[in-house]
Amino acid sequence: MSRLMARTGYDREQSTSAVADAWREAAPPAFRDASQAGNVRRGILDVFVSHSAHVQEIGFHKQSIVARLKQLVPDAGISDIRCRLLADGKRTT
């Protein structure tokens, strides 16, 4: 069963969903609607934001956000976050 889940990508989809849910909980309230979690690669979570000012603001909260994400999704192995600007400030969900 685990091989089937890995082959179809279902396990990755569940992991991505768990990280997105954890981001919504860990992010400061002011940024929940202006940001969204992306993929985790090599322990770095890509976070997409709608405005360049949010990149700097989230940077001020980075340590506490990463600590909270480690609590919420320890299996994801998140050790850092990297903010990226969404094209045209549009959400992809």
PDB file of N, CA and C in Angstrom:
ATOM      1  N   MET A   1       0.827  -1.200   0.000  1.00  0.00           N
ATOM      2  CA  MET A   1       0.000   0.000   0.000  1.00  0.00           C
ATOM      3  C   MET A   1       0.867   1.258   0.000  1.00  0.00           C
ATOM      4  N   SER A   2       1.940   1.246   0.813  1.00  0.00           N
ATOM      5  CA  SER A   2       2.793   2.439   0.873  1.00  0.00           C
ATOM      6  C   SER A   2       3.473   2.698  -0.465  1.00  0.00           C
ATOM      7  N   ARG A   3       3.829   1.614  -1.192  1.00  0.00           N
ATOM      8  CA  ARG A   3       4.437   1.803  -2.516  1.00  0.00           C
ATOM      9  C   ARG A   3       3.436   2.399  -3.492  1.00  0.00           C
ATOM     10  N   LEU A   4       2.201   1.967  -3.409  1.00  0.00           N
ATOM     11  CA  LEU A   4       1.160   2.508  -4.280  1.00  0.00           C
ATOM     12  C   LEU A   4       0.957   3.993  -4.005  1.00  0.00           C
ATOM     13  N   MET A   5       0.909   4.357  -2.729  1.00  0.00           N
ATOM     14  CA  MET A   5       0.740   5.769  -2.365  1.00  0.00           C
ATOM     15  C   MET A   5       1.916   6.594  -2.876  1.00  0.00           C
ATOM     16  N   ALA A   6       3.130   6.066  -2.759  1.00  0.00           N
ATOM     17  CA  ALA A   6       4.308   6.789  -3.229  1.00  0.00           C
ATOM     18  C   ALA A   6       4.290   6.909  -4.746  1.00  0.00           C
ATOM     19  N   ARG A   7       3.906   5.847  -5.432  1.00  0.00           N
ATOM     20  CA  ARG A   7       3.898   5.848  -6.888  1.00  0.00           C
ATOM     21  C   ARG A   7       2.874   6.833  -7.446  1.00  0.00           C
ATOM     22  N   THR A   8       1.729   6.944  -6.817  1.00  0.00           N
ATOM     23  CA  THR A   8       0.679   7.830  -7.314  1.00  0.00           C
ATOM     24  C   THR A   8       0.848   9.273  -6.841  1.00  0.00           C
ATOM     25  N   GLY A   9       1.755   9.500  -5.893  1.00  0.00           N
ATOM     26  CA  GLY A   9       1.961  10.848  -5.390  1.00  0.00           C
ATOM     27  C   GLY A   9       0.994  11.244  -4.294  1.00  0.00           C
ATOM     28  N   TYR A  10       0.174  10.298  -3.866  1.00  0.00           N
ATOM     29  CA  TYR A  10      -0.830  10.603  -2.846  1.00  0.00           C
ATOM     30  C   TYR A  10      -0.185  10.992  -1.523  1.00  0.00           C
ATOM     31  N   ASP A  11       0.914  10.344  -1.174  1.00  0.00           N
ATOM     32  CA  ASP A  11       1.582  10.677   0.087  1.00  0.00           C
ATOM     33  C   ASP A  11       2.148  12.087   0.050  1.00  0.00           C
ATOM     34  N   ARG A  12       2.671  12.506  -1.093  1.00  0.00           N
ATOM     35  CA  ARG A  12       3.205  13.864  -1.243  1.00  0.00           C
ATOM     36  C   ARG A  12       2.084  14.896  -1.150  1.00  0.00           C
ATOM     37  N   GLU A  13       0.934  14.556  -1.742  1.00  0.00           N
ATOM     38  CA  GLU A  13      -0.223  15.448  -1.707  1.00  0.00           C
ATOM     39  C   GLU A  13      -0.705  15.651  -0.274  1.00  0.00           C
ATOM     40  N   GLN A  14      -0.747  14.566   0.501  1.00  0.00           N
ATOM     41  CA  GLN A  14      -1.157  14.675   1.899  1.00  0.00           C
ATOM     42  C   GLN A  14      -0.166  15.519   2.683  1.00  0.00           C
ATOM     43  N   SER A  15       1.119  15.340   2.427  1.00  0.00           N
ATOM     44  CA  SER A  15       2.152  16.104   3.117  1.00  0.00           C
ATOM     45  C   SER A  15       2.038  17.588   2.784  1.00  0.00           C
ATOM     46  N   THR A  16       1.820  17.896   1.517  1.00  0.00           N
ATOM     47  CA  THR A  16       1.676  19.292   1.090  1.00  0.00           C
ATOM     48  C   THR A  16       0.467  19.929   1.754  1.00  0.00           C
ATOM     49  N   SER A  17      -0.614  19.194   1.849  1.00  0.00           N
ATOM     50  CA  SER A  17      -1.823  19.694   2.500  1.00  0.00           C
ATOM     51  C   SER A  17      -1.577  19.948   3.984  1.00  0.00           C
ATOM     52  N   ALA A  18      -0.852  19.051   4.633  1.00  0.00           N
ATOM     53  CA  ALA A  18      -0.550  19.216   6.062  1.00  0.00           C
ATOM     54  C   ALA A  18       0.318  20.447   6.286  1.00  0.00           C
ATOM     55  N   VAL A  19       1.280  20.682   5.410  1.00  0.00           N
ATOM     56  CA  VAL A  19       2.151  21.855   5.536  1.00  0.00           C
ATOM     57  C   VAL A  19       1.344  23.128   5.299  1.00  0.00           C
ATOM     58  N   ALA A  20       0.453  23.111   4.325  1.00  0.00           N
ATOM     59  CA  ALA A  20      -0.381  24.293   4.055  1.00  0.00           C
ATOM     60  C   ALA A  20      -1.268  24.613   5.253  1.00  0.00           C
ATOM     61  N   ASP A  21      -1.847  23.593   5.857  1.00  0.00           N
ATOM     62  CA  ASP A  21      -2.676  23.801   7.053  1.00  0.00           C
ATOM     63  C   ASP A  21      -1.833  24.331   8.208  1.00  0.00           C
ATOM     64  N   ALA A  22      -0.633  23.776   8.364  1.00  0.00           N
ATOM     65  CA  ALA A  22       0.265  24.226   9.433  1.00  0.00           C
ATOM     66  C   ALA A  22       0.684  25.665   9.206  1.00  0.00           C
ATOM     67  N   TRP A  23       0.924  26.051   7.952  1.00  0.00           N
ATOM     68  CA  TRP A  23       1.299  27.434   7.657  1.00  0.00           C
ATOM     69  C   TRP A  23       0.188  28.385   8.074  1.00  0.00           C
ATOM     70  N   ARG A  24      -1.045  28.034   7.746  1.00  0.00           N
ATOM     71  CA  ARG A  24      -2.167  28.911   8.108  1.00  0.00           C
ATOM     72  C   ARG A  24      -2.262  29.078   9.622  1.00  0.00           C
ATOM     73  N   GLU A  25      -1.884  28.065  10.358  1.00  0.00           N
ATOM     74  CA  GLU A  25      -1.926  28.166  11.815  1.00  0.00           C
ATOM     75  C   GLU A  25      -0.699  28.886  12.382  1.00  0.00           C
ATOM     76  N   ALA A  26       0.462  28.677  11.778  1.00  0.00           N
ATOM     77  CA  ALA A  26       1.706  29.240  12.317  1.00  0.00           C
ATOM     78  C   ALA A  26       1.949  30.691  11.895  1.00  0.00           C
ATOM     79  N   ALA A  27       1.423  31.083  10.758  1.00  0.00           N
ATOM     80  CA  ALA A  27       1.647  32.437  10.254  1.00  0.00           C
ATOM     81  C   ALA A  27       0.943  33.463  11.138  1.00  0.00           C
ATOM     82  N   PRO A  28       1.544  34.622  11.319  1.00  0.00           N
ATOM     83  CA  PRO A  28       0.859  35.694  12.050  1.00  0.00           C
ATOM     84  C   PRO A  28      -0.466  36.021  11.366  1.00  0.00           C
ATOM     85  N   PRO A  29      -1.497  36.336  12.140  1.00  0.00           N
ATOM     86  CA  PRO A  29      -2.832  36.575  11.565  1.00  0.00           C
ATOM     87  C   PRO A  29      -2.860  37.578  10.411  1.00  0.00           C
ATOM     88  N   ALA A  30      -2.033  38.594  10.458  1.00  0.00           N
ATOM     89  CA  ALA A  30      -2.040  39.609   9.405  1.00  0.00           C
ATOM     90  C   ALA A  30      -1.586  39.061   8.056  1.00  0.00           C
ATOM     91  N   PHE A  31      -0.903  37.913   8.049  1.00  0.00           N
ATOM     92  CA  PHE A  31      -0.352  37.376   6.809  1.00  0.00           C
ATOM     93  C   PHE A  31      -1.072  36.135   6.304  1.00  0.00           C
ATOM     94  N   ARG A  32      -2.039  35.666   7.024  1.00  0.00           N
ATOM     95  CA  ARG A  32      -2.705  34.420   6.620  1.00  0.00           C
ATOM     96  C   ARG A  32      -3.413  34.548   5.279  1.00  0.00           C
ATOM     97  N   ASP A  33      -4.028  35.681   5.022  1.00  0.00           N
ATOM     98  CA  ASP A  33      -4.721  35.869   3.751  1.00  0.00           C
ATOM     99  C   ASP A  33      -3.801  36.371   2.648  1.00  0.00           C
ATOM    100  N   ALA A  34      -2.613  36.849   3.019  1.00  0.00           N
ATOM    101  CA  ALA A  34      -1.690  37.427   2.045  1.00  0.00           C
ATOM    102  C   ALA A  34      -0.533  36.494   1.712  1.00  0.00           C
ATOM    103  N   SER A  35      -0.612  35.252   2.180  1.00  0.00           N
ATOM    104  CA  SER A  35       0.484  34.320   1.933  1.00  0.00           C
ATOM    105  C   SER A  35      -0.034  32.897   1.817  1.00  0.00           C
ATOM    106  N   GLN A  36       0.795  32.036   1.260  1.00  0.00           N
ATOM    107  CA  GLN A  36       0.446  30.623   1.173  1.00  0.00           C
ATOM    108  C   GLN A  36       1.720  29.799   1.118  1.00  0.00           C
ATOM    109  N   ALA A  37       1.639  28.611   1.669  1.00  0.00           N
ATOM    110  CA  ALA A  37       2.786  27.707   1.699  1.00  0.00           C
ATOM    111  C   ALA A  37       2.954  27.036   0.351  1.00  0.00           C
ATOM    112  N   GLY A  38       4.215  26.826   0.005  1.00  0.00           N
ATOM    113  CA  GLY A  38       4.544  26.082  -1.210  1.00  0.00           C
ATOM    114  C   GLY A  38       5.145  24.742  -0.834  1.00  0.00           C
ATOM    115  N   ASN A  39       6.168  24.341  -1.545  1.00  0.00           N
ATOM    116  CA  ASN A  39       6.827  23.060  -1.308  1.00  0.00           C
ATOM    117  C   ASN A  39       7.949  23.194  -0.289  1.00  0.00           C
ATOM    118  N   VAL A  40       8.280  22.064   0.321  1.00  0.00           N
ATOM    119  CA  VAL A  40       9.436  21.984   1.209  1.00  0.00           C
ATOM    120  C   VAL A  40      10.520  21.248   0.446  1.00  0.00           C
ATOM    121  N   ARG A  41      11.659  21.902   0.270  1.00  0.00           N
ATOM    122  CA  ARG A  41      12.802  21.285  -0.391  1.00  0.00           C
ATOM    123  C   ARG A  41      14.034  21.490   0.466  1.00  0.00           C
ATOM    124  N   ARG A  42      14.671  20.377   0.809  1.00  0.00           N
ATOM    125  CA  ARG A  42      15.881  20.411   1.633  1.00  0.00           C
ATOM    126  C   ARG A  42      15.663  21.175   2.935  1.00  0.00           C
ATOM    127  N   GLY A  43      14.471  21.028   3.502  1.00  0.00           N
ATOM    128  CA  GLY A  43      14.163  21.647   4.785  1.00  0.00           C
ATOM    129  C   GLY A  43      13.710  23.090   4.711  1.00  0.00           C
ATOM    130  N   ILE A  44      13.626  23.636   3.516  1.00  0.00           N
ATOM    131  CA  ILE A  44      13.223  25.042   3.345  1.00  0.00           C
ATOM    132  C   ILE A  44      11.819  25.092   2.748  1.00  0.00           C
ATOM    133  N   LEU A  45      10.926  25.743   3.477  1.00  0.00           N
ATOM    134  CA  LEU A  45       9.549  25.920   3.014  1.00  0.00           C
ATOM    135  C   LEU A  45       9.460  27.197   2.192  1.00  0.00           C
ATOM    136  N   ASP A  46       9.023  27.077   0.952  1.00  0.00           N
ATOM    137  CA  ASP A  46       8.757  28.254   0.127  1.00  0.00           C
ATOM    138  C   ASP A  46       7.411  28.816   0.531  1.00  0.00           C
ATOM    139  N   VAL A  47       7.373  30.109   0.799  1.00  0.00           N
ATOM    140  CA  VAL A  47       6.140  30.796   1.159  1.00  0.00           C
ATOM    141  C   VAL A  47       5.920  31.896   0.127  1.00  0.00           C
ATOM    142  N   PHE A  48       4.761  31.900  -0.468  1.00  0.00           N
ATOM    143  CA  PHE A  48       4.431  32.889  -1.485  1.00  0.00           C
ATOM    144  C   PHE A  48       3.589  33.989  -0.860  1.00  0.00           C
ATOM    145  N   VAL A  49       4.001  35.241  -1.097  1.00  0.00           N
ATOM    146  CA  VAL A  49       3.310  36.386  -0.515  1.00  0.00           C
ATOM    147  C   VAL A  49       2.820  37.312  -1.625  1.00  0.00           C
ATOM    148  N   SER A  50       1.824  38.108  -1.309  1.00  0.00           N
ATOM    149  CA  SER A  50       1.191  38.955  -2.312  1.00  0.00           C
ATOM    150  C   SER A  50       1.820  40.339  -2.441  1.00  0.00           C
ATOM    151  N   HIS A  51       2.686  40.726  -1.512  1.00  0.00           N
ATOM    152  CA  HIS A  51       3.280  42.060  -1.562  1.00  0.00           C
ATOM    153  C   HIS A  51       4.707  42.002  -1.031  1.00  0.00           C
ATOM    154  N   SER A  52       5.585  42.774  -1.624  1.00  0.00           N
ATOM    155  CA  SER A  52       6.999  42.732  -1.242  1.00  0.00           C
ATOM    156  C   SER A  52       7.229  43.152   0.210  1.00  0.00           C
ATOM    157  N   ALA A  53       6.372  43.995   0.752  1.00  0.00           N
ATOM    158  CA  ALA A  53       6.528  44.396   2.153  1.00  0.00           C
ATOM    159  C   ALA A  53       6.312  43.212   3.096  1.00  0.00           C
ATOM    160  N   HIS A  54       5.507  42.246   2.673  1.00  0.00           N
ATOM    161  CA  HIS A  54       5.259  41.069   3.502  1.00  0.00           C
ATOM    162  C   HIS A  54       6.509  40.207   3.642  1.00  0.00           C
ATOM    163  N   VAL A  55       7.354  40.214   2.626  1.00  0.00           N
ATOM    164  CA  VAL A  55       8.597  39.439   2.689  1.00  0.00           C
ATOM    165  C   VAL A  55       9.421  39.895   3.884  1.00  0.00           C
ATOM    166  N   GLN A  56       9.590  41.188   4.015  1.00  0.00           N
ATOM    167  CA  GLN A  56      10.372  41.739   5.122  1.00  0.00           C
ATOM    168  C   GLN A  56       9.667  41.508   6.455  1.00  0.00           C
ATOM    169  N   GLU A  57       8.380  41.727   6.503  1.00  0.00           N
ATOM    170  CA  GLU A  57       7.621  41.551   7.751  1.00  0.00           C
ATOM    171  C   GLU A  57       7.692  40.121   8.243  1.00  0.00           C
ATOM    172  N   ILE A  58       7.518  39.166   7.342  1.00  0.00           N
ATOM    173  CA  ILE A  58       7.583  37.759   7.739  1.00  0.00           C
ATOM    174  C   ILE A  58       8.984  37.422   8.232  1.00  0.00           C
ATOM    175  N   GLY A  59       9.988  38.062   7.664  1.00  0.00           N
ATOM    176  CA  GLY A  59      11.359  37.858   8.118  1.00  0.00           C
ATOM    177  C   GLY A  59      11.535  38.176   9.599  1.00  0.00           C
ATOM    178  N   PHE A  60      10.819  39.146  10.094  1.00  0.00           N
ATOM    179  CA  PHE A  60      10.892  39.501  11.511  1.00  0.00           C
ATOM    180  C   PHE A  60      10.309  38.396  12.403  1.00  0.00           C
ATOM    181  N   HIS A  61       9.390  37.613  11.869  1.00  0.00           N
ATOM    182  CA  HIS A  61       8.716  36.563  12.633  1.00  0.00           C
ATOM    183  C   HIS A  61       9.254  35.163  12.308  1.00  0.00           C
ATOM    184  N   LYS A  62      10.280  35.091  11.483  1.00  0.00           N
ATOM    185  CA  LYS A  62      10.747  33.820  10.941  1.00  0.00           C
ATOM    186  C   LYS A  62      11.055  32.773  12.010  1.00  0.00           C
ATOM    187  N   GLN A  63      11.788  33.143  13.040  1.00  0.00           N
ATOM    188  CA  GLN A  63      12.187  32.165  14.053  1.00  0.00           C
ATOM    189  C   GLN A  63      10.981  31.547  14.757  1.00  0.00           C
ATOM    190  N   SER A  64      10.038  32.378  15.138  1.00  0.00           N
ATOM    191  CA  SER A  64       8.865  31.845  15.839  1.00  0.00           C
ATOM    192  C   SER A  64       7.981  31.021  14.903  1.00  0.00           C
ATOM    193  N   ILE A  65       7.905  31.413  13.637  1.00  0.00           N
ATOM    194  CA  ILE A  65       7.111  30.660  12.666  1.00  0.00           C
ATOM    195  C   ILE A  65       7.730  29.283  12.434  1.00  0.00           C
ATOM    196  N   VAL A  66       9.041  29.246  12.247  1.00  0.00           N
ATOM    197  CA  VAL A  66       9.727  27.968  12.012  1.00  0.00           C
ATOM    198  C   VAL A  66       9.575  27.052  13.232  1.00  0.00           C
ATOM    199  N   ALA A  67       9.711  27.621  14.415  1.00  0.00           N
ATOM    200  CA  ALA A  67       9.549  26.814  15.635  1.00  0.00           C
ATOM    201  C   ALA A  67       8.144  26.224  15.703  1.00  0.00           C
ATOM    202  N   ARG A  68       7.143  27.011  15.368  1.00  0.00           N
ATOM    203  CA  ARG A  68       5.756  26.531  15.398  1.00  0.00           C
ATOM    204  C   ARG A  68       5.518  25.464  14.327  1.00  0.00           C
ATOM    205  N   LEU A  69       6.082  25.662  13.140  1.00  0.00           N
ATOM    206  CA  LEU A  69       5.938  24.671  12.073  1.00  0.00           C
ATOM    207  C   LEU A  69       6.581  23.346  12.462  1.00  0.00           C
ATOM    208  N   LYS A  70       7.712  23.408  13.152  1.00  0.00           N
ATOM    209  CA  LYS A  70       8.376  22.183  13.617  1.00  0.00           C
ATOM    210  C   LYS A  70       7.487  21.416  14.582  1.00  0.00           C
ATOM    211  N   GLN A  71       6.711  22.135  15.376  1.00  0.00           N
ATOM    212  CA  GLN A  71       5.776  21.486  16.299  1.00  0.00           C
ATOM    213  C   GLN A  71       4.587  20.883  15.558  1.00  0.00           C
ATOM    214  N   LEU A  72       4.063  21.621  14.592  1.00  0.00           N
ATOM    215  CA  LEU A  72       2.845  21.202  13.893  1.00  0.00           C
ATOM    216  C   LEU A  72       3.081  20.080  12.889  1.00  0.00           C
ATOM    217  N   VAL A  73       4.197  20.137  12.166  1.00  0.00           N
ATOM    218  CA  VAL A  73       4.498  19.117  11.147  1.00  0.00           C
ATOM    219  C   VAL A  73       5.962  18.674  11.266  1.00  0.00           C
ATOM    220  N   PRO A  74       6.276  17.937  12.325  1.00  0.00           N
ATOM    221  CA  PRO A  74       7.674  17.540  12.540  1.00  0.00           C
ATOM    222  C   PRO A  74       8.223  16.645  11.428  1.00  0.00           C
ATOM    223  N   ASP A  75       7.375  15.867  10.780  1.00  0.00           N
ATOM    224  CA  ASP A  75       7.831  14.976   9.714  1.00  0.00           C
ATOM    225  C   ASP A  75       8.236  15.722   8.445  1.00  0.00           C
ATOM    226  N   ALA A  76       7.824  16.982   8.309  1.00  0.00           N
ATOM    227  CA  ALA A  76       8.159  17.751   7.118  1.00  0.00           C
ATOM    228  C   ALA A  76       9.622  18.195   7.120  1.00  0.00           C
ATOM    229  N   GLY A  77      10.240  18.230   8.295  1.00  0.00           N
ATOM    230  CA  GLY A  77      11.659  18.588   8.377  1.00  0.00           C
ATOM    231  C   GLY A  77      11.954  20.041   8.048  1.00  0.00           C
ATOM    232  N   ILE A  78      11.028  20.928   8.352  1.00  0.00           N
ATOM    233  CA  ILE A  78      11.207  22.348   8.029  1.00  0.00           C
ATOM    234  C   ILE A  78      12.214  22.974   8.991  1.00  0.00           C
ATOM    235  N   SER A  79      13.258  23.574   8.427  1.00  0.00           N
ATOM    236  CA  SER A  79      14.271  24.248   9.242  1.00  0.00           C
ATOM    237  C   SER A  79      14.393  25.724   8.896  1.00  0.00           C
ATOM    238  N   ASP A  80      13.733  26.143   7.814  1.00  0.00           N
ATOM    239  CA  ASP A  80      13.801  27.546   7.402  1.00  0.00           C
ATOM    240  C   ASP A  80      12.636  27.830   6.465  1.00  0.00           C
ATOM    241  N   ILE A  81      12.351  29.100   6.255  1.00  0.00           N
ATOM    242  CA  ILE A  81      11.357  29.503   5.260  1.00  0.00           C
ATOM    243  C   ILE A  81      11.984  30.522   4.329  1.00  0.00           C
ATOM    244  N   ARG A  82      11.519  30.522   3.094  1.00  0.00           N
ATOM    245  CA  ARG A  82      11.985  31.482   2.102  1.00  0.00           C
ATOM    246  C   ARG A  82      10.748  32.085   1.450  1.00  0.00           C
ATOM    247  N   CYS A  83      10.653  33.392   1.502  1.00  0.00           N
ATOM    248  CA  CYS A  83       9.496  34.075   0.923  1.00  0.00           C
ATOM    249  C   CYS A  83       9.756  34.402  -0.537  1.00  0.00           C
ATOM    250  N   ARG A  84       8.732  34.232  -1.321  1.00  0.00           N
ATOM    251  CA  ARG A  84       8.773  34.561  -2.738  1.00  0.00           C
ATOM    252  C   ARG A  84       7.522  35.371  -3.057  1.00  0.00           C
ATOM    253  N   LEU A  85       7.665  36.281  -3.975  1.00  0.00           N
ATOM    254  CA  LEU A  85       6.558  37.144  -4.369  1.00  0.00           C
ATOM    255  C   LEU A  85       5.705  36.446  -5.419  1.00  0.00           C
ATOM    256  N   LEU A  86       4.388  36.444  -5.206  1.00  0.00           N
ATOM    257  CA  LEU A  86       3.464  35.897  -6.198  1.00  0.00           C
ATOM    258  C   LEU A  86       3.396  36.827  -7.390  1.00  0.00           C
ATOM    259  N   ALA A  87       3.337  36.268  -8.561  1.00  0.00           N
ATOM    260  CA  ALA A  87       3.196  37.076  -9.770  1.00  0.00           C
ATOM    261  C   ALA A  87       1.865  37.813  -9.719  1.00  0.00           C
ATOM    262  N   ASP A  88       1.889  39.101  -9.908  1.00  0.00           N
ATOM    263  CA  ASP A  88       0.686  39.947  -9.917  1.00  0.00           C
ATOM    264  C   ASP A  88      -0.078  39.906  -8.602  1.00  0.00           C
ATOM    265  N   GLY A  89       0.539  39.417  -7.535  1.00  0.00           N
ATOM    266  CA  GLY A  89      -0.109  39.380  -6.221  1.00  0.00           C
ATOM    267  C   GLY A  89      -1.303  38.463  -6.143  1.00  0.00           C
ATOM    268  N   LYS A  90      -1.364  37.464  -7.041  1.00  0.00           N
ATOM    269  CA  LYS A  90      -2.523  36.567  -7.077  1.00  0.00           C
ATOM    270  C   LYS A  90      -2.212  35.280  -6.336  1.00  0.00           C
ATOM    271  N   ARG A  91      -3.203  34.785  -5.652  1.00  0.00           N
ATOM    272  CA  ARG A  91      -3.070  33.489  -4.956  1.00  0.00           C
ATOM    273  C   ARG A  91      -3.226  32.377  -5.970  1.00  0.00           C
ATOM    274  N   THR A  92      -2.559  31.239  -5.703  1.00  0.00           N
ATOM    275  CA  THR A  92      -2.631  30.126  -6.638  1.00  0.00           C
ATOM    276  C   THR A  92      -3.618  29.063  -6.218  1.00  0.00           C
ATOM    277  N   THR A  93      -4.354  29.274  -5.151  1.00  0.00           N
ATOM    278  CA  THR A  93      -5.297  28.258  -4.689  1.00  0.00           C
ATOM    279  C   THR A  93      -6.683  28.526  -5.205  1.00  0.00           C
TER     280      THR A  93
END
